[in-house]
Amino acid sequence: MAITAAQVKELREATGAGMMDAKKALTETDGDFEAAVDWLRTKGLAKAAKKSGRTAAEGLVAVEVDGGKGVALEVNAETDFVAKNAEFQEMVGKFAKAAAGVDDVEALKAVEIDGKRVEDVLTDKIATIGENMSIRRMAKIEGETVASYVHNAAAGGMGKIGVLVAMTGGDEALGKQVAMHIAAVNPAALSEADMDPAIVEKEKQVQMDIARESGKPEQVIEKMIEGRMKKFVAESTLLNQQFVVNPDLTVGEAAKEAGATITGFVRLEVGEGIEKKEEDFAAEVAKAAQG
């Protein structure tokens, strides 16, 4: 029996399944709509797809380091409870190892693990655990030495914040201290040269507006802005920040004393930038009571 585009569209809208999955379901069931829905459900595809609209802002960041190369990967779920699930942790660990060999998330989804594509492994896990999940982002770094640190670790090499630091010279102990500093302070960039010009300009405009409110002469304001921007850059860039391990030194000075040069860093925090839906529990209960 020939399957029409309209039938595929109707099934997709009803179940949220992908186009190819919907077409296969209809083919397997000779175009029987209800049977196709059941086919998708038995495969876990409809169940997984229906959850895809729910906000996944929890989860884990995993870090993987091999010599002078490191990768950090964020995999999200809906609740922190799932982040503590051993099955989820095992899956994230495998994904992180696979991520070391690719350049981006889309390429990672196509990698095969134990005979299955990463994308399909994730879909299966959504169906079995019962929460929406997503591979959100990954970042890679290279250097003579790459050190890592995981904050709020849930298992080996994975937690709420994952940091990688690339250096030349120095040792692993220094690298870990710098990584811990980055986890705590969250610098915007390595140095002033690495800062986003748009962010710098925006801050400058804000500071100018604040200074002009004082009514001081323009030449005085220029001096005020110069000082404030110098402070802003110092507080925003890793090499110029006061080192949490030894506040008498900047991170750059501490690295220099240890014979090291920090060449880059990566910091991923679970759910960073995701707008979480605030649930009104009282309203939810009232709605349920009304049937």
C-alpha atoms as a PDB file:
ATOM      1  CA  MET A   1       0.000   0.000   0.000  1.00  0.00           C
ATOM      2  CA  ALA A   2       1.271   3.464  -0.924  1.00  0.00           C
ATOM      3  CA  ILE A   3       1.780   5.770   2.059  1.00  0.00           C
ATOM      4  CA  THR A   4       0.896   9.404   1.392  1.00  0.00           C
ATOM      5  CA  ALA A   5       2.629  12.502   2.743  1.00  0.00           C
ATOM      6  CA  ALA A   6      -0.649  13.525   4.384  1.00  0.00           C
ATOM      7  CA  GLN A   7      -0.774  10.269   6.369  1.00  0.00           C
ATOM      8  CA  VAL A   8       2.820  10.728   7.527  1.00  0.00           C
ATOM      9  CA  LYS A   9       2.081  14.330   8.539  1.00  0.00           C
ATOM     10  CA  GLU A  10      -1.000  13.308  10.544  1.00  0.00           C
ATOM     11  CA  LEU A  11       0.911  10.588  12.397  1.00  0.00           C
ATOM     12  CA  ARG A  12       3.816  12.905  13.144  1.00  0.00           C
ATOM     13  CA  GLU A  13       1.492  15.538  14.601  1.00  0.00           C
ATOM     14  CA  ALA A  14      -0.311  12.965  16.730  1.00  0.00           C
ATOM     15  CA  THR A  15       2.790  11.299  18.153  1.00  0.00           C
ATOM     16  CA  GLY A  16       5.658  13.756  17.700  1.00  0.00           C
ATOM     17  CA  ALA A  17       7.673  11.006  15.998  1.00  0.00           C
ATOM     18  CA  GLY A  18      10.220  11.794  13.287  1.00  0.00           C
ATOM     19  CA  MET A  19       9.239  11.722   9.621  1.00  0.00           C
ATOM     20  CA  MET A  20      11.130   8.532   8.757  1.00  0.00           C
ATOM     21  CA  ASP A  21       9.851   6.771  11.885  1.00  0.00           C
ATOM     22  CA  ALA A  22       6.252   7.787  11.088  1.00  0.00           C
ATOM     23  CA  LYS A  23       6.584   6.569   7.501  1.00  0.00           C
ATOM     24  CA  LYS A  24       8.088   3.260   8.625  1.00  0.00           C
ATOM     25  CA  ALA A  25       5.308   2.759  11.180  1.00  0.00           C
ATOM     26  CA  LEU A  26       2.631   3.265   8.509  1.00  0.00           C
ATOM     27  CA  THR A  27       4.456   0.967   6.107  1.00  0.00           C
ATOM     28  CA  GLU A  28       4.770  -1.751   8.747  1.00  0.00           C
ATOM     29  CA  THR A  29       1.046  -1.521   9.567  1.00  0.00           C
ATOM     30  CA  ASP A  30      -0.292  -1.182   5.991  1.00  0.00           C
ATOM     31  CA  GLY A  31      -1.438   2.390   6.634  1.00  0.00           C
ATOM     32  CA  ASP A  32      -3.531   1.586   9.731  1.00  0.00           C
ATOM     33  CA  PHE A  33      -3.292   4.822  11.771  1.00  0.00           C
ATOM     34  CA  GLU A  34      -4.063   3.346  15.217  1.00  0.00           C
ATOM     35  CA  ALA A  35      -1.799   0.373  14.615  1.00  0.00           C
ATOM     36  CA  ALA A  36       0.969   2.753  13.520  1.00  0.00           C
ATOM     37  CA  VAL A  37       0.593   4.733  16.763  1.00  0.00           C
ATOM     38  CA  ASP A  38       0.891   1.492  18.735  1.00  0.00           C
ATOM     39  CA  TRP A  39       3.914   0.462  16.651  1.00  0.00           C
ATOM     40  CA  LEU A  40       5.669   3.720  17.521  1.00  0.00           C
ATOM     41  CA  ARG A  41       4.783   3.343  21.196  1.00  0.00           C
ATOM     42  CA  THR A  42       6.173  -0.203  21.348  1.00  0.00           C
ATOM     43  CA  LYS A  43       9.416   1.084  19.855  1.00  0.00           C
ATOM     44  CA  GLY A  44       9.528   3.868  22.437  1.00  0.00           C
ATOM     45  CA  LEU A  45       9.539   6.488  19.686  1.00  0.00           C
ATOM     46  CA  ALA A  46       6.206   8.151  20.371  1.00  0.00           C
ATOM     47  CA  LYS A  47       6.824   8.163  24.090  1.00  0.00           C
ATOM     48  CA  ALA A  48      10.219   9.804  23.651  1.00  0.00           C
ATOM     49  CA  ALA A  49       8.968  12.354  21.152  1.00  0.00           C
ATOM     50  CA  LYS A  50       6.049  13.453  23.338  1.00  0.00           C
ATOM     51  CA  LYS A  51       8.540  14.437  26.017  1.00  0.00           C
ATOM     52  CA  SER A  52      10.643  16.539  23.656  1.00  0.00           C
ATOM     53  CA  GLY A  53       8.792  19.768  24.499  1.00  0.00           C
ATOM     54  CA  ARG A  54       9.606  19.578  28.201  1.00  0.00           C
ATOM     55  CA  THR A  55      12.455  21.672  29.534  1.00  0.00           C
ATOM     56  CA  ALA A  56      15.623  19.668  30.175  1.00  0.00           C
ATOM     57  CA  ALA A  57      17.737  21.990  32.310  1.00  0.00           C
ATOM     58  CA  GLU A  58      19.309  19.507  34.737  1.00  0.00           C
ATOM     59  CA  GLY A  59      21.781  16.753  33.919  1.00  0.00           C
ATOM     60  CA  LEU A  60      25.562  16.419  33.894  1.00  0.00           C
ATOM     61  CA  VAL A  61      28.722  17.840  32.385  1.00  0.00           C
ATOM     62  CA  ALA A  62      31.334  15.169  31.686  1.00  0.00           C
ATOM     63  CA  VAL A  63      35.011  15.828  31.000  1.00  0.00           C
ATOM     64  CA  GLU A  64      37.413  13.527  29.187  1.00  0.00           C
ATOM     65  CA  VAL A  65      41.157  14.170  28.926  1.00  0.00           C
ATOM     66  CA  ASP A  66      43.646  12.237  26.816  1.00  0.00           C
ATOM     67  CA  GLY A  67      47.162  13.670  26.921  1.00  0.00           C
ATOM     68  CA  GLY A  68      47.080  17.155  25.467  1.00  0.00           C
ATOM     69  CA  LYS A  69      43.444  16.982  24.385  1.00  0.00           C
ATOM     70  CA  GLY A  70      40.271  17.456  26.387  1.00  0.00           C
ATOM     71  CA  VAL A  71      36.530  17.560  25.776  1.00  0.00           C
ATOM     72  CA  ALA A  72      33.637  18.713  27.959  1.00  0.00           C
ATOM     73  CA  LEU A  73      30.100  17.548  27.162  1.00  0.00           C
ATOM     74  CA  GLU A  74      26.758  18.658  28.601  1.00  0.00           C
ATOM     75  CA  VAL A  75      23.863  16.186  28.538  1.00  0.00           C
ATOM     76  CA  ASN A  76      20.578  17.436  29.965  1.00  0.00           C
ATOM     77  CA  ALA A  77      17.586  15.818  31.634  1.00  0.00           C
ATOM     78  CA  GLU A  78      14.499  17.272  33.299  1.00  0.00           C
ATOM     79  CA  THR A  79      15.342  16.525  36.940  1.00  0.00           C
ATOM     80  CA  ASP A  80      18.377  16.282  39.168  1.00  0.00           C
ATOM     81  CA  PHE A  81      17.108  12.860  40.219  1.00  0.00           C
ATOM     82  CA  VAL A  82      17.971  11.474  36.776  1.00  0.00           C
ATOM     83  CA  ALA A  83      21.485  12.981  36.994  1.00  0.00           C
ATOM     84  CA  LYS A  84      22.010  10.629  39.962  1.00  0.00           C
ATOM     85  CA  ASN A  85      20.749   7.630  38.000  1.00  0.00           C
ATOM     86  CA  ALA A  86      23.524   5.100  37.307  1.00  0.00           C
ATOM     87  CA  GLU A  87      22.132   4.295  33.819  1.00  0.00           C
ATOM     88  CA  PHE A  88      22.142   7.963  32.847  1.00  0.00           C
ATOM     89  CA  GLN A  89      25.678   8.440  34.207  1.00  0.00           C
ATOM     90  CA  GLU A  90      26.965   5.410  32.295  1.00  0.00           C
ATOM     91  CA  MET A  91      25.424   6.762  29.090  1.00  0.00           C
ATOM     92  CA  VAL A  92      26.912  10.249  29.594  1.00  0.00           C
ATOM     93  CA  GLY A  93      30.335   8.710  30.232  1.00  0.00           C
ATOM     94  CA  LYS A  94      30.173   6.775  26.961  1.00  0.00           C
ATOM     95  CA  PHE A  95      29.028   9.868  25.086  1.00  0.00           C
ATOM     96  CA  ALA A  96      31.964  11.881  26.475  1.00  0.00           C
ATOM     97  CA  LYS A  97      34.469   9.257  25.334  1.00  0.00           C
ATOM     98  CA  ALA A  98      32.890   9.270  21.874  1.00  0.00           C
ATOM     99  CA  ALA A  99      32.915  13.094  21.798  1.00  0.00           C
ATOM    100  CA  ALA A 100      36.714  13.074  22.022  1.00  0.00           C
ATOM    101  CA  GLY A 101      36.839  11.855  18.437  1.00  0.00           C
ATOM    102  CA  VAL A 102      34.444  14.355  16.806  1.00  0.00           C
ATOM    103  CA  ASP A 103      34.179  18.110  16.393  1.00  0.00           C
ATOM    104  CA  ASP A 104      30.580  18.933  17.279  1.00  0.00           C
ATOM    105  CA  VAL A 105      27.300  17.635  18.717  1.00  0.00           C
ATOM    106  CA  GLU A 106      25.781  16.760  15.335  1.00  0.00           C
ATOM    107  CA  ALA A 107      28.784  14.590  14.483  1.00  0.00           C
ATOM    108  CA  LEU A 108      28.587  12.972  17.935  1.00  0.00           C
ATOM    109  CA  LYS A 109      24.942  11.983  17.384  1.00  0.00           C
ATOM    110  CA  ALA A 110      25.996   9.934  14.347  1.00  0.00           C
ATOM    111  CA  VAL A 111      28.754   8.005  16.178  1.00  0.00           C
ATOM    112  CA  GLU A 112      27.984   4.354  16.916  1.00  0.00           C
ATOM    113  CA  ILE A 113      28.293   3.004  20.473  1.00  0.00           C
ATOM    114  CA  ASP A 114      27.791  -0.743  20.981  1.00  0.00           C
ATOM    115  CA  GLY A 115      26.250  -0.974  17.514  1.00  0.00           C
ATOM    116  CA  LYS A 116      23.812   1.926  17.945  1.00  0.00           C
ATOM    117  CA  ARG A 117      23.999   5.570  16.934  1.00  0.00           C
ATOM    118  CA  VAL A 118      24.366   7.946  19.879  1.00  0.00           C
ATOM    119  CA  GLU A 119      21.131   9.659  18.814  1.00  0.00           C
ATOM    120  CA  ASP A 120      19.263   6.337  19.032  1.00  0.00           C
ATOM    121  CA  VAL A 121      20.845   5.444  22.377  1.00  0.00           C
ATOM    122  CA  LEU A 122      19.537   8.745  23.741  1.00  0.00           C
ATOM    123  CA  THR A 123      16.041   8.126  22.320  1.00  0.00           C
ATOM    124  CA  ASP A 124      15.947   4.682  23.950  1.00  0.00           C
ATOM    125  CA  LYS A 125      17.027   6.138  27.288  1.00  0.00           C
ATOM    126  CA  ILE A 126      14.298   8.794  27.110  1.00  0.00           C
ATOM    127  CA  ALA A 127      11.776   5.993  26.652  1.00  0.00           C
ATOM    128  CA  THR A 128      13.077   3.834  29.498  1.00  0.00           C
ATOM    129  CA  ILE A 129      13.774   6.557  32.074  1.00  0.00           C
ATOM    130  CA  GLY A 130      10.752   8.653  31.111  1.00  0.00           C
ATOM    131  CA  GLU A 131      12.239  12.142  30.918  1.00  0.00           C
ATOM    132  CA  ASN A 132      13.177  14.430  28.075  1.00  0.00           C
ATOM    133  CA  MET A 133      16.946  14.484  27.528  1.00  0.00           C
ATOM    134  CA  SER A 134      19.260  16.231  25.112  1.00  0.00           C
ATOM    135  CA  ILE A 135      22.914  16.439  24.163  1.00  0.00           C
ATOM    136  CA  ARG A 136      23.168  20.197  24.464  1.00  0.00           C
ATOM    137  CA  ARG A 137      26.755  21.246  23.739  1.00  0.00           C
ATOM    138  CA  MET A 138      30.397  20.252  23.776  1.00  0.00           C
ATOM    139  CA  ALA A 139      33.703  22.100  23.812  1.00  0.00           C
ATOM    140  CA  LYS A 140      37.237  20.905  23.079  1.00  0.00           C
ATOM    141  CA  ILE A 141      40.668  22.198  23.989  1.00  0.00           C
ATOM    142  CA  GLU A 142      44.273  21.271  23.239  1.00  0.00           C
ATOM    143  CA  GLY A 143      47.594  22.137  24.844  1.00  0.00           C
ATOM    144  CA  GLU A 144      50.919  20.796  26.035  1.00  0.00           C
ATOM    145  CA  THR A 145      49.083  19.869  29.234  1.00  0.00           C
ATOM    146  CA  VAL A 146      45.321  19.728  29.804  1.00  0.00           C
ATOM    147  CA  ALA A 147      44.018  19.611  33.371  1.00  0.00           C
ATOM    148  CA  SER A 148      40.418  19.065  34.454  1.00  0.00           C
ATOM    149  CA  TYR A 149      38.149  19.655  37.418  1.00  0.00           C
ATOM    150  CA  VAL A 150      34.543  18.689  38.068  1.00  0.00           C
ATOM    151  CA  HIS A 151      32.490  20.535  40.679  1.00  0.00           C
ATOM    152  CA  ASN A 152      29.637  18.805  42.548  1.00  0.00           C
ATOM    153  CA  ALA A 153      30.746  15.469  41.118  1.00  0.00           C
ATOM    154  CA  ALA A 154      27.988  12.883  40.713  1.00  0.00           C
ATOM    155  CA  ALA A 155      30.386  10.228  39.417  1.00  0.00           C
ATOM    156  CA  GLY A 156      33.945  10.020  38.095  1.00  0.00           C
ATOM    157  CA  GLY A 157      34.614  12.831  35.620  1.00  0.00           C
ATOM    158  CA  MET A 158      31.092  14.261  35.654  1.00  0.00           C
ATOM    159  CA  GLY A 159      29.147  16.773  37.722  1.00  0.00           C
ATOM    160  CA  LYS A 160      27.381  20.147  37.666  1.00  0.00           C
ATOM    161  CA  ILE A 161      30.379  22.150  36.400  1.00  0.00           C
ATOM    162  CA  GLY A 162      33.165  20.826  34.193  1.00  0.00           C
ATOM    163  CA  VAL A 163      36.388  22.749  33.562  1.00  0.00           C
ATOM    164  CA  LEU A 164      39.363  22.121  31.283  1.00  0.00           C
ATOM    165  CA  VAL A 165      42.588  24.175  31.360  1.00  0.00           C
ATOM    166  CA  ALA A 166      45.322  24.094  28.706  1.00  0.00           C
ATOM    167  CA  MET A 167      48.886  25.079  29.691  1.00  0.00           C
ATOM    168  CA  THR A 168      52.476  24.950  28.599  1.00  0.00           C
ATOM    169  CA  GLY A 169      54.836  24.243  31.464  1.00  0.00           C
ATOM    170  CA  GLY A 170      53.666  23.900  35.043  1.00  0.00           C
ATOM    171  CA  ASP A 171      52.245  20.687  36.494  1.00  0.00           C
ATOM    172  CA  GLU A 172      48.933  18.927  37.053  1.00  0.00           C
ATOM    173  CA  ALA A 173      48.552  20.357  40.566  1.00  0.00           C
ATOM    174  CA  LEU A 174      48.682  23.938  39.260  1.00  0.00           C
ATOM    175  CA  GLY A 175      46.324  23.041  36.428  1.00  0.00           C
ATOM    176  CA  LYS A 176      43.753  21.670  38.859  1.00  0.00           C
ATOM    177  CA  GLN A 177      44.024  24.750  41.096  1.00  0.00           C
ATOM    178  CA  VAL A 178      43.420  27.016  38.101  1.00  0.00           C
ATOM    179  CA  ALA A 179      40.507  24.817  36.998  1.00  0.00           C
ATOM    180  CA  MET A 180      38.971  25.088  40.481  1.00  0.00           C
ATOM    181  CA  HIS A 181      39.391  28.876  40.320  1.00  0.00           C
ATOM    182  CA  ILE A 182      37.577  28.945  36.969  1.00  0.00           C
ATOM    183  CA  ALA A 183      34.745  26.812  38.344  1.00  0.00           C
ATOM    184  CA  ALA A 184      34.288  29.216  41.260  1.00  0.00           C
ATOM    185  CA  VAL A 185      34.829  32.616  39.594  1.00  0.00           C
ATOM    186  CA  ASN A 186      33.625  31.942  36.018  1.00  0.00           C
ATOM    187  CA  PRO A 187      35.860  34.333  34.019  1.00  0.00           C
ATOM    188  CA  ALA A 188      34.446  35.685  30.756  1.00  0.00           C
ATOM    189  CA  ALA A 189      37.710  35.268  28.821  1.00  0.00           C
ATOM    190  CA  LEU A 190      41.371  34.319  29.141  1.00  0.00           C
ATOM    191  CA  SER A 191      42.731  37.845  28.630  1.00  0.00           C
ATOM    192  CA  GLU A 192      41.635  41.301  27.505  1.00  0.00           C
ATOM    193  CA  ALA A 193      42.477  40.396  23.891  1.00  0.00           C
ATOM    194  CA  ASP A 194      40.038  37.476  24.067  1.00  0.00           C
ATOM    195  CA  MET A 195      37.085  39.490  25.355  1.00  0.00           C
ATOM    196  CA  ASP A 196      34.015  40.069  23.197  1.00  0.00           C
ATOM    197  CA  PRO A 197      34.313  43.697  21.958  1.00  0.00           C
ATOM    198  CA  ALA A 198      30.522  44.100  22.112  1.00  0.00           C
ATOM    199  CA  ILE A 199      30.477  43.224  25.825  1.00  0.00           C
ATOM    200  CA  VAL A 200      33.341  45.632  26.537  1.00  0.00           C
ATOM    201  CA  GLU A 201      31.631  48.446  24.632  1.00  0.00           C
ATOM    202  CA  LYS A 202      28.314  47.827  26.364  1.00  0.00           C
ATOM    203  CA  GLU A 203      29.973  47.999  29.780  1.00  0.00           C
ATOM    204  CA  LYS A 204      31.772  51.191  28.782  1.00  0.00           C
ATOM    205  CA  GLN A 205      28.472  52.829  27.769  1.00  0.00           C
ATOM    206  CA  VAL A 206      26.846  51.798  31.041  1.00  0.00           C
ATOM    207  CA  GLN A 207      29.734  53.220  33.050  1.00  0.00           C
ATOM    208  CA  MET A 208      29.662  56.467  31.041  1.00  0.00           C
ATOM    209  CA  ASP A 209      25.937  56.896  31.723  1.00  0.00           C
ATOM    210  CA  ILE A 210      26.495  56.303  35.429  1.00  0.00           C
ATOM    211  CA  ALA A 211      29.416  58.754  35.533  1.00  0.00           C
ATOM    212  CA  ARG A 212      27.484  61.488  33.704  1.00  0.00           C
ATOM    213  CA  GLU A 213      24.735  61.259  36.297  1.00  0.00           C
ATOM    214  CA  SER A 214      27.281  62.653  38.749  1.00  0.00           C
ATOM    215  CA  GLY A 215      27.410  65.938  36.807  1.00  0.00           C
ATOM    216  CA  LYS A 216      31.209  65.967  36.788  1.00  0.00           C
ATOM    217  CA  PRO A 217      33.171  67.590  33.905  1.00  0.00           C
ATOM    218  CA  GLU A 218      33.790  65.441  30.794  1.00  0.00           C
ATOM    219  CA  GLN A 219      37.560  65.264  31.365  1.00  0.00           C
ATOM    220  CA  VAL A 220      36.986  63.942  34.883  1.00  0.00           C
ATOM    221  CA  ILE A 221      34.480  61.412  33.549  1.00  0.00           C
ATOM    222  CA  GLU A 222      37.041  60.124  31.035  1.00  0.00           C
ATOM    223  CA  LYS A 223      39.482  59.406  33.878  1.00  0.00           C
ATOM    224  CA  MET A 224      36.716  57.722  35.890  1.00  0.00           C
ATOM    225  CA  ILE A 225      35.787  55.498  32.931  1.00  0.00           C
ATOM    226  CA  GLU A 226      39.409  54.541  32.332  1.00  0.00           C
ATOM    227  CA  GLY A 227      39.724  53.304  35.908  1.00  0.00           C
ATOM    228  CA  ARG A 228      36.382  51.519  35.925  1.00  0.00           C
ATOM    229  CA  MET A 229      37.065  49.722  32.657  1.00  0.00           C
ATOM    230  CA  LYS A 230      40.471  48.624  33.876  1.00  0.00           C
ATOM    231  CA  LYS A 231      38.762  47.108  36.918  1.00  0.00           C
ATOM    232  CA  PHE A 232      36.076  45.491  34.742  1.00  0.00           C
ATOM    233  CA  VAL A 233      38.691  43.817  32.524  1.00  0.00           C
ATOM    234  CA  ALA A 234      40.677  42.653  35.563  1.00  0.00           C
ATOM    235  CA  GLU A 235      37.599  41.091  37.146  1.00  0.00           C
ATOM    236  CA  SER A 236      36.411  39.487  33.900  1.00  0.00           C
ATOM    237  CA  THR A 237      39.611  37.899  32.565  1.00  0.00           C
ATOM    238  CA  LEU A 238      41.228  34.797  34.018  1.00  0.00           C
ATOM    239  CA  LEU A 239      44.847  35.956  33.846  1.00  0.00           C
ATOM    240  CA  ASN A 240      44.038  39.225  35.644  1.00  0.00           C
ATOM    241  CA  GLN A 241      41.778  37.846  38.374  1.00  0.00           C
ATOM    242  CA  GLN A 242      42.999  37.488  41.949  1.00  0.00           C
ATOM    243  CA  PHE A 243      43.882  33.811  42.353  1.00  0.00           C
ATOM    244  CA  VAL A 244      41.486  32.175  44.841  1.00  0.00           C
ATOM    245  CA  VAL A 245      44.330  29.958  46.097  1.00  0.00           C
ATOM    246  CA  ASN A 246      46.567  32.987  46.765  1.00  0.00           C
ATOM    247  CA  PRO A 247      44.755  36.375  46.481  1.00  0.00           C
ATOM    248  CA  ASP A 248      48.109  38.211  46.685  1.00  0.00           C
ATOM    249  CA  LEU A 249      48.746  37.125  43.094  1.00  0.00           C
ATOM    250  CA  THR A 250      46.741  37.213  39.892  1.00  0.00           C
ATOM    251  CA  VAL A 251      46.219  33.887  38.122  1.00  0.00           C
ATOM    252  CA  GLY A 252      48.680  35.009  35.447  1.00  0.00           C
ATOM    253  CA  GLU A 253      51.325  35.893  38.049  1.00  0.00           C
ATOM    254  CA  ALA A 254      50.845  32.582  39.861  1.00  0.00           C
ATOM    255  CA  ALA A 255      51.247  30.675  36.608  1.00  0.00           C
ATOM    256  CA  LYS A 256      54.410  32.622  35.760  1.00  0.00           C
ATOM    257  CA  GLU A 257      55.920  31.855  39.173  1.00  0.00           C
ATOM    258  CA  ALA A 258      55.250  28.164  38.519  1.00  0.00           C
ATOM    259  CA  GLY A 259      56.913  28.355  35.088  1.00  0.00           C
ATOM    260  CA  ALA A 260      53.610  27.912  33.240  1.00  0.00           C
ATOM    261  CA  THR A 261      51.616  29.752  30.595  1.00  0.00           C
ATOM    262  CA  ILE A 262      47.851  29.269  30.510  1.00  0.00           C
ATOM    263  CA  THR A 263      46.792  29.070  26.875  1.00  0.00           C
ATOM    264  CA  GLY A 264      43.054  28.450  27.140  1.00  0.00           C
ATOM    265  CA  PHE A 265      40.156  27.115  29.174  1.00  0.00           C
ATOM    266  CA  VAL A 266      36.668  25.673  28.864  1.00  0.00           C
ATOM    267  CA  ARG A 267      33.918  25.917  31.483  1.00  0.00           C
ATOM    268  CA  LEU A 268      30.506  24.279  31.075  1.00  0.00           C
ATOM    269  CA  GLU A 269      27.809  24.477  33.747  1.00  0.00           C
ATOM    270  CA  VAL A 270      24.650  22.389  33.637  1.00  0.00           C
ATOM    271  CA  GLY A 271      21.625  24.379  32.503  1.00  0.00           C
ATOM    272  CA  GLU A 272      23.585  27.591  31.988  1.00  0.00           C
ATOM    273  CA  GLY A 273      21.484  29.961  29.875  1.00  0.00           C
ATOM    274  CA  ILE A 274      18.417  27.693  29.787  1.00  0.00           C
ATOM    275  CA  GLU A 275      15.236  29.404  30.895  1.00  0.00           C
ATOM    276  CA  LYS A 276      13.641  27.047  33.384  1.00  0.00           C
ATOM    277  CA  LYS A 277       9.868  26.937  33.557  1.00  0.00           C
ATOM    278  CA  GLU A 278       8.748  27.933  37.040  1.00  0.00           C
ATOM    279  CA  GLU A 279       6.066  25.527  38.190  1.00  0.00           C
ATOM    280  CA  ASP A 280       3.196  26.896  40.306  1.00  0.00           C
ATOM    281  CA  PHE A 281       2.577  23.803  42.429  1.00  0.00           C
ATOM    282  CA  ALA A 282      -0.584  25.180  44.093  1.00  0.00           C
ATOM    283  CA  ALA A 283      -2.120  26.019  40.719  1.00  0.00           C
ATOM    284  CA  GLU A 284      -1.166  22.588  39.392  1.00  0.00           C
ATOM    285  CA  VAL A 285      -2.891  20.830  42.310  1.00  0.00           C
ATOM    286  CA  ALA A 286      -5.993  23.020  41.944  1.00  0.00           C
ATOM    287  CA  LYS A 287      -6.174  22.224  38.242  1.00  0.00           C
ATOM    288  CA  ALA A 288      -5.860  18.504  38.931  1.00  0.00           C
ATOM    289  CA  ALA A 289      -8.616  18.699  41.565  1.00  0.00           C
ATOM    290  CA  GLN A 290     -10.960  20.236  39.009  1.00  0.00           C
ATOM    291  CA  GLY A 291     -10.441  17.210  36.808  1.00  0.00           C
END
